Amino acid sequence: ESGGGLVQPGGSLRLSCAASGSIFSINAMGWYRQGSGKQRE
């Protein structure tokens, strides 16, 4: 993964996640997050 960082409220970020290795295909892709003291969502 890449693209994270510090941003001001109202700002924008673009996250990227690249897979590598011996891969035939990839089905679903997704993003999850976990805030401090929170469940992953």
Full PDB file with SEQRES, HELIX, SHEET, SSBOND, CRYST1, ORIGX, SCALE, CONECT and MASTER records, all heavy atoms in Angstrom:
SEQRES   1 A   41  GLU SER GLY GLY GLY LEU VAL GLN PRO GLY GLY SER LEU          
SEQRES   2 A   41  ARG LEU SER CYS ALA ALA SER GLY SER ILE PHE SER ILE          
SEQRES   3 A   41  ASN ALA MET GLY TRP TYR ARG GLN GLY SER GLY LYS GLN          
SEQRES   4 A   41  ARG GLU                                                      
CRYST1    1.000    1.000    1.000  90.00  90.00  90.00 P 1           1          
ORIGX1      1.000000  0.000000  0.000000        0.00000                         
ORIGX2      0.000000  1.000000  0.000000        0.00000                         
ORIGX3      0.000000  0.000000  1.000000        0.00000                         
SCALE1      1.000000  0.000000  0.000000        0.00000                         
SCALE2      0.000000  1.000000  0.000000        0.00000                         
SCALE3      0.000000  0.000000  1.000000        0.00000                         
ATOM      1  N   GLU A   1       0.824  -1.190   0.000  1.00  0.00           N  
ATOM      2  CA  GLU A   1       0.000   0.000   0.000  1.00  0.00           C  
ATOM      3  C   GLU A   1       0.865   1.250   0.000  1.00  0.00           C  
ATOM      4  O   GLU A   1       1.989   1.250   0.502  1.00  0.00           O  
ATOM      5  CB  GLU A   1      -0.916   0.025   1.230  1.00  0.00           C  
ATOM      6  CG  GLU A   1      -1.822  -1.177   1.347  1.00  0.00           C  
ATOM      7  CD  GLU A   1      -2.668  -1.145   2.595  1.00  0.00           C  
ATOM      8  OE1 GLU A   1      -2.815  -0.044   3.182  1.00  0.00           O  
ATOM      9  OE2 GLU A   1      -3.187  -2.197   2.994  1.00  0.00           O  
ATOM     10  N   SER A   2       0.295   2.320  -0.530  1.00  0.00           N  
ATOM     11  CA  SER A   2       0.960   3.607  -0.526  1.00  0.00           C  
ATOM     12  C   SER A   2      -0.091   4.708  -0.612  1.00  0.00           C  
ATOM     13  O   SER A   2      -1.247   4.453  -0.947  1.00  0.00           O  
ATOM     14  CB  SER A   2       1.949   3.731  -1.686  1.00  0.00           C  
ATOM     15  OG  SER A   2       1.287   3.631  -2.928  1.00  0.00           O  
ATOM     16  N   GLY A   3       0.324   5.930  -0.312  1.00  0.00           N  
ATOM     17  CA  GLY A   3      -0.540   7.080  -0.477  1.00  0.00           C  
ATOM     18  C   GLY A   3      -1.075   7.686   0.799  1.00  0.00           C  
ATOM     19  O   GLY A   3      -1.683   8.762   0.757  1.00  0.00           O  
ATOM     20  N   GLY A   4      -0.879   7.030   1.916  1.00  0.00           N  
ATOM     21  CA  GLY A   4      -1.346   7.581   3.167  1.00  0.00           C  
ATOM     22  C   GLY A   4      -0.497   8.755   3.613  1.00  0.00           C  
ATOM     23  O   GLY A   4       0.547   9.053   3.039  1.00  0.00           O  
ATOM     24  N   GLY A   5      -0.965   9.433   4.640  1.00  0.00           N  
ATOM     25  CA  GLY A   5      -0.229  10.564   5.160  1.00  0.00           C  
ATOM     26  C   GLY A   5      -1.112  11.498   5.939  1.00  0.00           C  
ATOM     27  O   GLY A   5      -2.229  11.158   6.325  1.00  0.00           O  
ATOM     28  N   LEU A   6      -0.593  12.691   6.167  1.00  0.00           N  
ATOM     29  CA  LEU A   6      -1.292  13.733   6.921  1.00  0.00           C  
ATOM     30  C   LEU A   6      -1.942  14.705   5.954  1.00  0.00           C  
ATOM     31  O   LEU A   6      -1.299  15.193   5.015  1.00  0.00           O  
ATOM     32  CB  LEU A   6      -0.313  14.469   7.833  1.00  0.00           C  
ATOM     33  CG  LEU A   6      -0.860  15.655   8.621  1.00  0.00           C  
ATOM     34  CD1 LEU A   6      -1.909  15.190   9.627  1.00  0.00           C  
ATOM     35  CD2 LEU A   6       0.280  16.384   9.322  1.00  0.00           C  
ATOM     36  N   VAL A   7      -3.211  14.997   6.192  1.00  0.00           N  
ATOM     37  CA  VAL A   7      -3.950  15.910   5.341  1.00  0.00           C  
ATOM     38  C   VAL A   7      -4.881  16.753   6.202  1.00  0.00           C  
ATOM     39  O   VAL A   7      -5.340  16.309   7.259  1.00  0.00           O  
ATOM     40  CB  VAL A   7      -4.744  15.138   4.262  1.00  0.00           C  
ATOM     41  CG1 VAL A   7      -5.822  14.269   4.903  1.00  0.00           C  
ATOM     42  CG2 VAL A   7      -5.341  16.088   3.238  1.00  0.00           C  
ATOM     43  N   GLN A   8      -5.143  17.968   5.764  1.00  0.00           N  
ATOM     44  CA  GLN A   8      -6.053  18.852   6.490  1.00  0.00           C  
ATOM     45  C   GLN A   8      -7.503  18.480   6.214  1.00  0.00           C  
ATOM     46  O   GLN A   8      -7.815  17.892   5.177  1.00  0.00           O  
ATOM     47  CB  GLN A   8      -5.810  20.305   6.088  1.00  0.00           C  
ATOM     48  CG  GLN A   8      -4.431  20.828   6.445  1.00  0.00           C  
ATOM     49  CD  GLN A   8      -4.261  22.291   6.083  1.00  0.00           C  
ATOM     50  OE1 GLN A   8      -5.229  23.028   5.923  1.00  0.00           O  
ATOM     51  NE2 GLN A   8      -3.017  22.718   5.973  1.00  0.00           N  
ATOM     52  N   PRO A   9      -8.401  18.821   7.128  1.00  0.00           N  
ATOM     53  CA  PRO A   9      -9.821  18.601   6.854  1.00  0.00           C  
ATOM     54  C   PRO A   9     -10.241  19.261   5.547  1.00  0.00           C  
ATOM     55  O   PRO A   9      -9.844  20.383   5.244  1.00  0.00           O  
ATOM     56  CB  PRO A   9     -10.518  19.250   8.051  1.00  0.00           C  
ATOM     57  CG  PRO A   9      -9.507  19.172   9.147  1.00  0.00           C  
ATOM     58  CD  PRO A   9      -8.173  19.365   8.478  1.00  0.00           C  
ATOM     59  N   GLY A  10     -11.041  18.539   4.781  1.00  0.00           N  
ATOM     60  CA  GLY A  10     -11.448  19.004   3.474  1.00  0.00           C  
ATOM     61  C   GLY A  10     -10.512  18.611   2.355  1.00  0.00           C  
ATOM     62  O   GLY A  10     -10.851  18.794   1.175  1.00  0.00           O  
ATOM     63  N   GLY A  11      -9.367  18.066   2.697  1.00  0.00           N  
ATOM     64  CA  GLY A  11      -8.390  17.685   1.705  1.00  0.00           C  
ATOM     65  C   GLY A  11      -8.663  16.329   1.096  1.00  0.00           C  
ATOM     66  O   GLY A  11      -9.670  15.675   1.385  1.00  0.00           O  
ATOM     67  N   SER A  12      -7.734  15.898   0.251  1.00  0.00           N  
ATOM     68  CA  SER A  12      -7.890  14.655  -0.492  1.00  0.00           C  
ATOM     69  C   SER A  12      -6.626  13.820  -0.417  1.00  0.00           C  
ATOM     70  O   SER A  12      -5.516  14.340  -0.264  1.00  0.00           O  
ATOM     71  CB  SER A  12      -8.206  14.935  -1.963  1.00  0.00           C  
ATOM     72  OG  SER A  12      -9.423  15.642  -2.113  1.00  0.00           O  
ATOM     73  N   LEU A  13      -6.812  12.527  -0.527  1.00  0.00           N  
ATOM     74  CA  LEU A  13      -5.722  11.572  -0.642  1.00  0.00           C  
ATOM     75  C   LEU A  13      -6.139  10.477  -1.599  1.00  0.00           C  
ATOM     76  O   LEU A  13      -7.325  10.172  -1.724  1.00  0.00           O  
ATOM     77  CB  LEU A  13      -5.365  10.948   0.709  1.00  0.00           C  
ATOM     78  CG  LEU A  13      -4.588  11.777   1.724  1.00  0.00           C  
ATOM     79  CD1 LEU A  13      -4.486  11.008   3.039  1.00  0.00           C  
ATOM     80  CD2 LEU A  13      -3.203  12.113   1.200  1.00  0.00           C  
ATOM     81  N   ARG A  14      -5.153   9.886  -2.236  1.00  0.00           N  
ATOM     82  CA  ARG A  14      -5.398   8.743  -3.094  1.00  0.00           C  
ATOM     83  C   ARG A  14      -4.519   7.587  -2.637  1.00  0.00           C  
ATOM     84  O   ARG A  14      -3.292   7.677  -2.692  1.00  0.00           O  
ATOM     85  CB  ARG A  14      -5.103   9.057  -4.557  1.00  0.00           C  
ATOM     86  CG  ARG A  14      -5.572   7.964  -5.517  1.00  0.00           C  
ATOM     87  CD  ARG A  14      -5.039   8.177  -6.912  1.00  0.00           C  
ATOM     88  NE  ARG A  14      -5.693   7.319  -7.890  1.00  0.00           N  
ATOM     89  CZ  ARG A  14      -5.134   6.900  -9.023  1.00  0.00           C  
ATOM     90  NH1 ARG A  14      -3.909   7.283  -9.328  1.00  0.00           N  
ATOM     91  NH2 ARG A  14      -5.809   6.123  -9.850  1.00  0.00           N  
ATOM     92  N   LEU A  15      -5.147   6.525  -2.193  1.00  0.00           N  
ATOM     93  CA  LEU A  15      -4.440   5.342  -1.753  1.00  0.00           C  
ATOM     94  C   LEU A  15      -4.310   4.351  -2.903  1.00  0.00           C  
ATOM     95  O   LEU A  15      -5.213   4.225  -3.728  1.00  0.00           O  
ATOM     96  CB  LEU A  15      -5.169   4.671  -0.588  1.00  0.00           C  
ATOM     97  CG  LEU A  15      -5.492   5.542   0.630  1.00  0.00           C  
ATOM     98  CD1 LEU A  15      -6.147   4.691   1.711  1.00  0.00           C  
ATOM     99  CD2 LEU A  15      -4.246   6.227   1.154  1.00  0.00           C  
ATOM    100  N   SER A  16      -3.195   3.652  -2.925  1.00  0.00           N  
ATOM    101  CA  SER A  16      -2.959   2.619  -3.910  1.00  0.00           C  
ATOM    102  C   SER A  16      -2.535   1.344  -3.219  1.00  0.00           C  
ATOM    103  O   SER A  16      -1.896   1.371  -2.168  1.00  0.00           O  
ATOM    104  CB  SER A  16      -1.865   3.038  -4.907  1.00  0.00           C  
ATOM    105  OG  SER A  16      -2.217   4.207  -5.607  1.00  0.00           O  
ATOM    106  N   CYS A  17      -2.880   0.222  -3.815  1.00  0.00           N  
ATOM    107  CA  CYS A  17      -2.477  -1.074  -3.304  1.00  0.00           C  
ATOM    108  C   CYS A  17      -2.196  -1.975  -4.487  1.00  0.00           C  
ATOM    109  O   CYS A  17      -3.104  -2.265  -5.274  1.00  0.00           O  
ATOM    110  CB  CYS A  17      -3.572  -1.668  -2.413  1.00  0.00           C  
ATOM    111  SG  CYS A  17      -3.208  -3.317  -1.783  1.00  0.00           S  
ATOM    112  N   ALA A  18      -0.959  -2.406  -4.609  1.00  0.00           N  
ATOM    113  CA  ALA A  18      -0.532  -3.221  -5.734  1.00  0.00           C  
ATOM    114  C   ALA A  18      -0.164  -4.621  -5.272  1.00  0.00           C  
ATOM    115  O   ALA A  18       0.569  -4.790  -4.299  1.00  0.00           O  
ATOM    116  CB  ALA A  18       0.658  -2.577  -6.440  1.00  0.00           C  
ATOM    117  N   ALA A  19      -0.658  -5.602  -5.987  1.00  0.00           N  
ATOM    118  CA  ALA A  19      -0.355  -6.993  -5.692  1.00  0.00           C  
ATOM    119  C   ALA A  19       0.788  -7.478  -6.571  1.00  0.00           C  
ATOM    120  O   ALA A  19       0.923  -7.073  -7.728  1.00  0.00           O  
ATOM    121  CB  ALA A  19      -1.580  -7.874  -5.912  1.00  0.00           C  
ATOM    122  N   SER A  20       1.608  -8.342  -6.015  1.00  0.00           N  
ATOM    123  CA  SER A  20       2.700  -8.939  -6.767  1.00  0.00           C  
ATOM    124  C   SER A  20       2.834 -10.398  -6.375  1.00  0.00           C  
ATOM    125  O   SER A  20       2.341 -10.827  -5.335  1.00  0.00           O  
ATOM    126  CB  SER A  20       4.016  -8.195  -6.530  1.00  0.00           C  
ATOM    127  OG  SER A  20       4.408  -8.274  -5.170  1.00  0.00           O  
ATOM    128  N   GLY A  21       3.534 -11.149  -7.206  1.00  0.00           N  
ATOM    129  CA  GLY A  21       3.727 -12.558  -6.958  1.00  0.00           C  
ATOM    130  C   GLY A  21       3.134 -13.398  -8.070  1.00  0.00           C  
ATOM    131  O   GLY A  21       2.767 -12.900  -9.135  1.00  0.00           O  
ATOM    132  N   SER A  22       3.058 -14.683  -7.825  1.00  0.00           N  
ATOM    133  CA  SER A  22       2.522 -15.617  -8.812  1.00  0.00           C  
ATOM    134  C   SER A  22       1.009 -15.636  -8.717  1.00  0.00           C  
ATOM    135  O   SER A  22       0.419 -16.412  -7.960  1.00  0.00           O  
ATOM    136  CB  SER A  22       3.102 -17.011  -8.588  1.00  0.00           C  
ATOM    137  OG  SER A  22       4.510 -17.006  -8.734  1.00  0.00           O  
ATOM    138  N   ILE A  23       0.385 -14.775  -9.491  1.00  0.00           N  
ATOM    139  CA  ILE A  23      -1.052 -14.563  -9.422  1.00  0.00           C  
ATOM    140  C   ILE A  23      -1.693 -14.936 -10.735  1.00  0.00           C  
ATOM    141  O   ILE A  23      -1.284 -14.469 -11.798  1.00  0.00           O  
ATOM    142  CB  ILE A  23      -1.367 -13.098  -9.077  1.00  0.00           C  
ATOM    143  CG1 ILE A  23      -0.821 -12.744  -7.693  1.00  0.00           C  
ATOM    144  CG2 ILE A  23      -2.872 -12.844  -9.152  1.00  0.00           C  
ATOM    145  CD1 ILE A  23      -0.915 -11.284  -7.349  1.00  0.00           C  
ATOM    146  N   PHE A  24      -2.711 -15.763 -10.648  1.00  0.00           N  
ATOM    147  CA  PHE A  24      -3.487 -16.097 -11.829  1.00  0.00           C  
ATOM    148  C   PHE A  24      -4.544 -15.033 -12.095  1.00  0.00           C  
ATOM    149  O   PHE A  24      -4.679 -14.547 -13.221  1.00  0.00           O  
ATOM    150  CB  PHE A  24      -4.138 -17.474 -11.680  1.00  0.00           C  
ATOM    151  CG  PHE A  24      -5.076 -17.813 -12.806  1.00  0.00           C  
ATOM    152  CD1 PHE A  24      -4.581 -18.211 -14.030  1.00  0.00           C  
ATOM    153  CD2 PHE A  24      -6.449 -17.721 -12.644  1.00  0.00           C  
ATOM    154  CE1 PHE A  24      -5.426 -18.516 -15.084  1.00  0.00           C  
ATOM    155  CE2 PHE A  24      -7.306 -18.030 -13.680  1.00  0.00           C  
ATOM    156  CZ  PHE A  24      -6.793 -18.429 -14.908  1.00  0.00           C  
ATOM    157  N   SER A  25      -5.288 -14.685 -11.068  1.00  0.00           N  
ATOM    158  CA  SER A  25      -6.311 -13.668 -11.201  1.00  0.00           C  
ATOM    159  C   SER A  25      -6.685 -13.158  -9.820  1.00  0.00           C  
ATOM    160  O   SER A  25      -6.355 -13.759  -8.805  1.00  0.00           O  
ATOM    161  CB  SER A  25      -7.554 -14.193 -11.936  1.00  0.00           C  
ATOM    162  OG  SER A  25      -8.187 -15.213 -11.176  1.00  0.00           O  
ATOM    163  N   ILE A  26      -7.394 -12.039  -9.811  1.00  0.00           N  
ATOM    164  CA  ILE A  26      -7.861 -11.435  -8.577  1.00  0.00           C  
ATOM    165  C   ILE A  26      -9.350 -11.179  -8.708  1.00  0.00           C  
ATOM    166  O   ILE A  26      -9.796 -10.562  -9.679  1.00  0.00           O  
ATOM    167  CB  ILE A  26      -7.124 -10.124  -8.274  1.00  0.00           C  
ATOM    168  CG1 ILE A  26      -5.613 -10.354  -8.219  1.00  0.00           C  
ATOM    169  CG2 ILE A  26      -7.625  -9.522  -6.965  1.00  0.00           C  
ATOM    170  CD1 ILE A  26      -4.805  -9.089  -8.069  1.00  0.00           C  
ATOM    171  N   ASN A  27     -10.088 -11.651  -7.738  1.00  0.00           N  
ATOM    172  CA  ASN A  27     -11.525 -11.425  -7.749  1.00  0.00           C  
ATOM    173  C   ASN A  27     -11.830 -10.077  -7.090  1.00  0.00           C  
ATOM    174  O   ASN A  27     -11.441  -9.039  -7.603  1.00  0.00           O  
ATOM    175  CB  ASN A  27     -12.243 -12.590  -7.074  1.00  0.00           C  
ATOM    176  CG  ASN A  27     -12.043 -13.891  -7.839  1.00  0.00           C  
ATOM    177  OD1 ASN A  27     -12.007 -13.903  -9.069  1.00  0.00           O  
ATOM    178  ND2 ASN A  27     -11.916 -14.995  -7.120  1.00  0.00           N  
ATOM    179  N   ALA A  28     -12.497 -10.093  -5.958  1.00  0.00           N  
ATOM    180  CA  ALA A  28     -12.853  -8.838  -5.315  1.00  0.00           C  
ATOM    181  C   ALA A  28     -11.632  -8.140  -4.738  1.00  0.00           C  
ATOM    182  O   ALA A  28     -10.682  -8.775  -4.278  1.00  0.00           O  
ATOM    183  CB  ALA A  28     -13.888  -9.078  -4.221  1.00  0.00           C  
ATOM    184  N   MET A  29     -11.654  -6.823  -4.773  1.00  0.00           N  
ATOM    185  CA  MET A  29     -10.673  -5.980  -4.116  1.00  0.00           C  
ATOM    186  C   MET A  29     -11.416  -5.022  -3.191  1.00  0.00           C  
ATOM    187  O   MET A  29     -12.562  -4.656  -3.467  1.00  0.00           O  
ATOM    188  CB  MET A  29      -9.860  -5.168  -5.119  1.00  0.00           C  
ATOM    189  CG  MET A  29      -9.077  -5.987  -6.125  1.00  0.00           C  
ATOM    190  SD  MET A  29      -8.163  -4.892  -7.269  1.00  0.00           S  
ATOM    191  CE  MET A  29      -7.295  -6.092  -8.278  1.00  0.00           C  
ATOM    192  N   GLY A  30     -10.762  -4.607  -2.129  1.00  0.00           N  
ATOM    193  CA  GLY A  30     -11.454  -3.710  -1.223  1.00  0.00           C  
ATOM    194  C   GLY A  30     -10.531  -2.987  -0.277  1.00  0.00           C  
ATOM    195  O   GLY A  30      -9.333  -3.270  -0.192  1.00  0.00           O  
ATOM    196  N   TRP A  31     -11.127  -2.035   0.419  1.00  0.00           N  
ATOM    197  CA  TRP A  31     -10.449  -1.253   1.436  1.00  0.00           C  
ATOM    198  C   TRP A  31     -11.226  -1.320   2.737  1.00  0.00           C  
ATOM    199  O   TRP A  31     -12.467  -1.227   2.740  1.00  0.00           O  
ATOM    200  CB  TRP A  31     -10.309   0.215   1.013  1.00  0.00           C  
ATOM    201  CG  TRP A  31      -9.360   0.431  -0.123  1.00  0.00           C  
ATOM    202  CD1 TRP A  31      -9.660   0.478  -1.447  1.00  0.00           C  
ATOM    203  CD2 TRP A  31      -7.950   0.632  -0.020  1.00  0.00           C  
ATOM    204  NE1 TRP A  31      -8.528   0.695  -2.186  1.00  0.00           N  
ATOM    205  CE2 TRP A  31      -7.466   0.790  -1.342  1.00  0.00           C  
ATOM    206  CE3 TRP A  31      -7.054   0.691   1.041  1.00  0.00           C  
ATOM    207  CZ2 TRP A  31      -6.112   1.011  -1.612  1.00  0.00           C  
ATOM    208  CZ3 TRP A  31      -5.715   0.908   0.765  1.00  0.00           C  
ATOM    209  CH2 TRP A  31      -5.255   1.061  -0.543  1.00  0.00           C  
ATOM    210  N   TYR A  32     -10.505  -1.460   3.820  1.00  0.00           N  
ATOM    211  CA  TYR A  32     -11.056  -1.439   5.162  1.00  0.00           C  
ATOM    212  C   TYR A  32     -10.244  -0.462   5.993  1.00  0.00           C  
ATOM    213  O   TYR A  32      -9.113  -0.127   5.646  1.00  0.00           O  
ATOM    214  CB  TYR A  32     -11.016  -2.830   5.795  1.00  0.00           C  
ATOM    215  CG  TYR A  32     -11.869  -3.842   5.067  1.00  0.00           C  
ATOM    216  CD1 TYR A  32     -11.453  -4.398   3.857  1.00  0.00           C  
ATOM    217  CD2 TYR A  32     -13.102  -4.245   5.592  1.00  0.00           C  
ATOM    218  CE1 TYR A  32     -12.242  -5.317   3.184  1.00  0.00           C  
ATOM    219  CE2 TYR A  32     -13.888  -5.171   4.922  1.00  0.00           C  
ATOM    220  CZ  TYR A  32     -13.449  -5.697   3.724  1.00  0.00           C  
ATOM    221  OH  TYR A  32     -14.233  -6.610   3.064  1.00  0.00           O  
ATOM    222  N   ARG A  33     -10.817  -0.017   7.080  1.00  0.00           N  
ATOM    223  CA  ARG A  33     -10.080   0.886   7.944  1.00  0.00           C  
ATOM    224  C   ARG A  33     -10.365   0.574   9.404  1.00  0.00           C  
ATOM    225  O   ARG A  33     -11.393  -0.003   9.747  1.00  0.00           O  
ATOM    226  CB  ARG A  33     -10.422   2.348   7.644  1.00  0.00           C  
ATOM    227  CG  ARG A  33     -11.800   2.784   8.111  1.00  0.00           C  
ATOM    228  CD  ARG A  33     -12.069   4.222   7.706  1.00  0.00           C  
ATOM    229  NE  ARG A  33     -13.298   4.731   8.291  1.00  0.00           N  
ATOM    230  CZ  ARG A  33     -13.804   5.927   8.034  1.00  0.00           C  
ATOM    231  NH1 ARG A  33     -13.182   6.746   7.188  1.00  0.00           N  
ATOM    232  NH2 ARG A  33     -14.934   6.312   8.619  1.00  0.00           N  
ATOM    233  N   GLN A  34      -9.434   0.984  10.243  1.00  0.00           N  
ATOM    234  CA  GLN A  34      -9.575   0.776  11.670  1.00  0.00           C  
ATOM    235  C   GLN A  34      -9.045   2.002  12.396  1.00  0.00           C  
ATOM    236  O   GLN A  34      -7.843   2.275  12.376  1.00  0.00           O  
ATOM    237  CB  GLN A  34      -8.831  -0.473  12.130  1.00  0.00           C  
ATOM    238  CG  GLN A  34      -9.069  -0.833  13.586  1.00  0.00           C  
ATOM    239  CD  GLN A  34      -8.576  -2.230  13.926  1.00  0.00           C  
ATOM    240  OE1 GLN A  34      -7.754  -2.795  13.210  1.00  0.00           O  
ATOM    241  NE2 GLN A  34      -9.081  -2.788  15.005  1.00  0.00           N  
ATOM    242  N   GLY A  35      -9.951   2.738  13.008  1.00  0.00           N  
ATOM    243  CA  GLY A  35      -9.564   3.876  13.812  1.00  0.00           C  
ATOM    244  C   GLY A  35      -9.148   3.439  15.196  1.00  0.00           C  
ATOM    245  O   GLY A  35      -9.381   2.307  15.620  1.00  0.00           O  
ATOM    246  N   SER A  36      -8.531   4.354  15.913  1.00  0.00           N  
ATOM    247  CA  SER A  36      -8.058   4.056  17.256  1.00  0.00           C  
ATOM    248  C   SER A  36      -9.228   3.659  18.152  1.00  0.00           C  
ATOM    249  O   SER A  36     -10.203   4.395  18.280  1.00  0.00           O  
ATOM    250  CB  SER A  36      -7.342   5.274  17.829  1.00  0.00           C  
ATOM    251  OG  SER A  36      -6.888   5.033  19.146  1.00  0.00           O  
ATOM    252  N   GLY A  37      -9.122   2.495  18.757  1.00  0.00           N  
ATOM    253  CA  GLY A  37     -10.158   2.007  19.639  1.00  0.00           C  
ATOM    254  C   GLY A  37     -11.428   1.565  18.948  1.00  0.00           C  
ATOM    255  O   GLY A  37     -12.442   1.351  19.615  1.00  0.00           O  
ATOM    256  N   LYS A  38     -11.386   1.427  17.635  1.00  0.00           N  
ATOM    257  CA  LYS A  38     -12.572   1.055  16.866  1.00  0.00           C  
ATOM    258  C   LYS A  38     -12.396  -0.305  16.210  1.00  0.00           C  
ATOM    259  O   LYS A  38     -11.293  -0.823  16.089  1.00  0.00           O  
ATOM    260  CB  LYS A  38     -12.854   2.110  15.788  1.00  0.00           C  
ATOM    261  CG  LYS A  38     -12.989   3.528  16.304  1.00  0.00           C  
ATOM    262  CD  LYS A  38     -14.213   3.695  17.168  1.00  0.00           C  
ATOM    263  CE  LYS A  38     -14.379   5.141  17.585  1.00  0.00           C  
ATOM    264  NZ  LYS A  38     -15.585   5.337  18.436  1.00  0.00           N  
ATOM    265  N   GLN A  39     -13.512  -0.860  15.789  1.00  0.00           N  
ATOM    266  CA  GLN A  39     -13.483  -2.097  15.021  1.00  0.00           C  
ATOM    267  C   GLN A  39     -13.126  -1.807  13.569  1.00  0.00           C  
ATOM    268  O   GLN A  39     -13.394  -0.716  13.052  1.00  0.00           O  
ATOM    269  CB  GLN A  39     -14.841  -2.797  15.086  1.00  0.00           C  
ATOM    270  CG  GLN A  39     -15.260  -3.237  16.472  1.00  0.00           C  
ATOM    271  CD  GLN A  39     -14.408  -4.367  16.980  1.00  0.00           C  
ATOM    272  OE1 GLN A  39     -14.120  -5.322  16.254  1.00  0.00           O  
ATOM    273  NE2 GLN A  39     -13.993  -4.274  18.238  1.00  0.00           N  
ATOM    274  N   ARG A  40     -12.521  -2.776  12.933  1.00  0.00           N  
ATOM    275  CA  ARG A  40     -12.245  -2.628  11.517  1.00  0.00           C  
ATOM    276  C   ARG A  40     -13.562  -2.615  10.746  1.00  0.00           C  
ATOM    277  O   ARG A  40     -14.456  -3.424  11.008  1.00  0.00           O  
ATOM    278  CB  ARG A  40     -11.344  -3.758  11.018  1.00  0.00           C  
ATOM    279  CG  ARG A  40     -10.891  -3.595   9.581  1.00  0.00           C  
ATOM    280  CD  ARG A  40      -9.810  -4.595   9.205  1.00  0.00           C  
ATOM    281  NE  ARG A  40      -8.609  -4.424  10.010  1.00  0.00           N  
ATOM    282  CZ  ARG A  40      -7.473  -5.074   9.795  1.00  0.00           C  
ATOM    283  NH1 ARG A  40      -7.379  -5.947   8.797  1.00  0.00           N  
ATOM    284  NH2 ARG A  40      -6.426  -4.868  10.583  1.00  0.00           N  
ATOM    285  N   GLU A  41     -13.681  -1.693   9.811  1.00  0.00           N  
ATOM    286  CA  GLU A  41     -14.916  -1.533   9.082  1.00  0.00           C  
ATOM    287  C   GLU A  41     -14.667  -1.445   7.585  1.00  0.00           C  
ATOM    288  O   GLU A  41     -13.599  -1.039   7.132  1.00  0.00           O  
ATOM    289  CB  GLU A  41     -15.681  -0.288   9.555  1.00  0.00           C  
ATOM    290  CG  GLU A  41     -14.938   1.016   9.338  1.00  0.00           C  
ATOM    291  CD  GLU A  41     -15.698   2.220   9.866  1.00  0.00           C  
ATOM    292  OE1 GLU A  41     -16.903   2.096  10.156  1.00  0.00           O  
ATOM    293  OE2 GLU A  41     -15.080   3.298   9.992  1.00  0.00           O  
TER     294      GLU A  41                                                      
MASTER        0    0    0    0    0    0    0    6  293    1    0    4          
END                                                                             
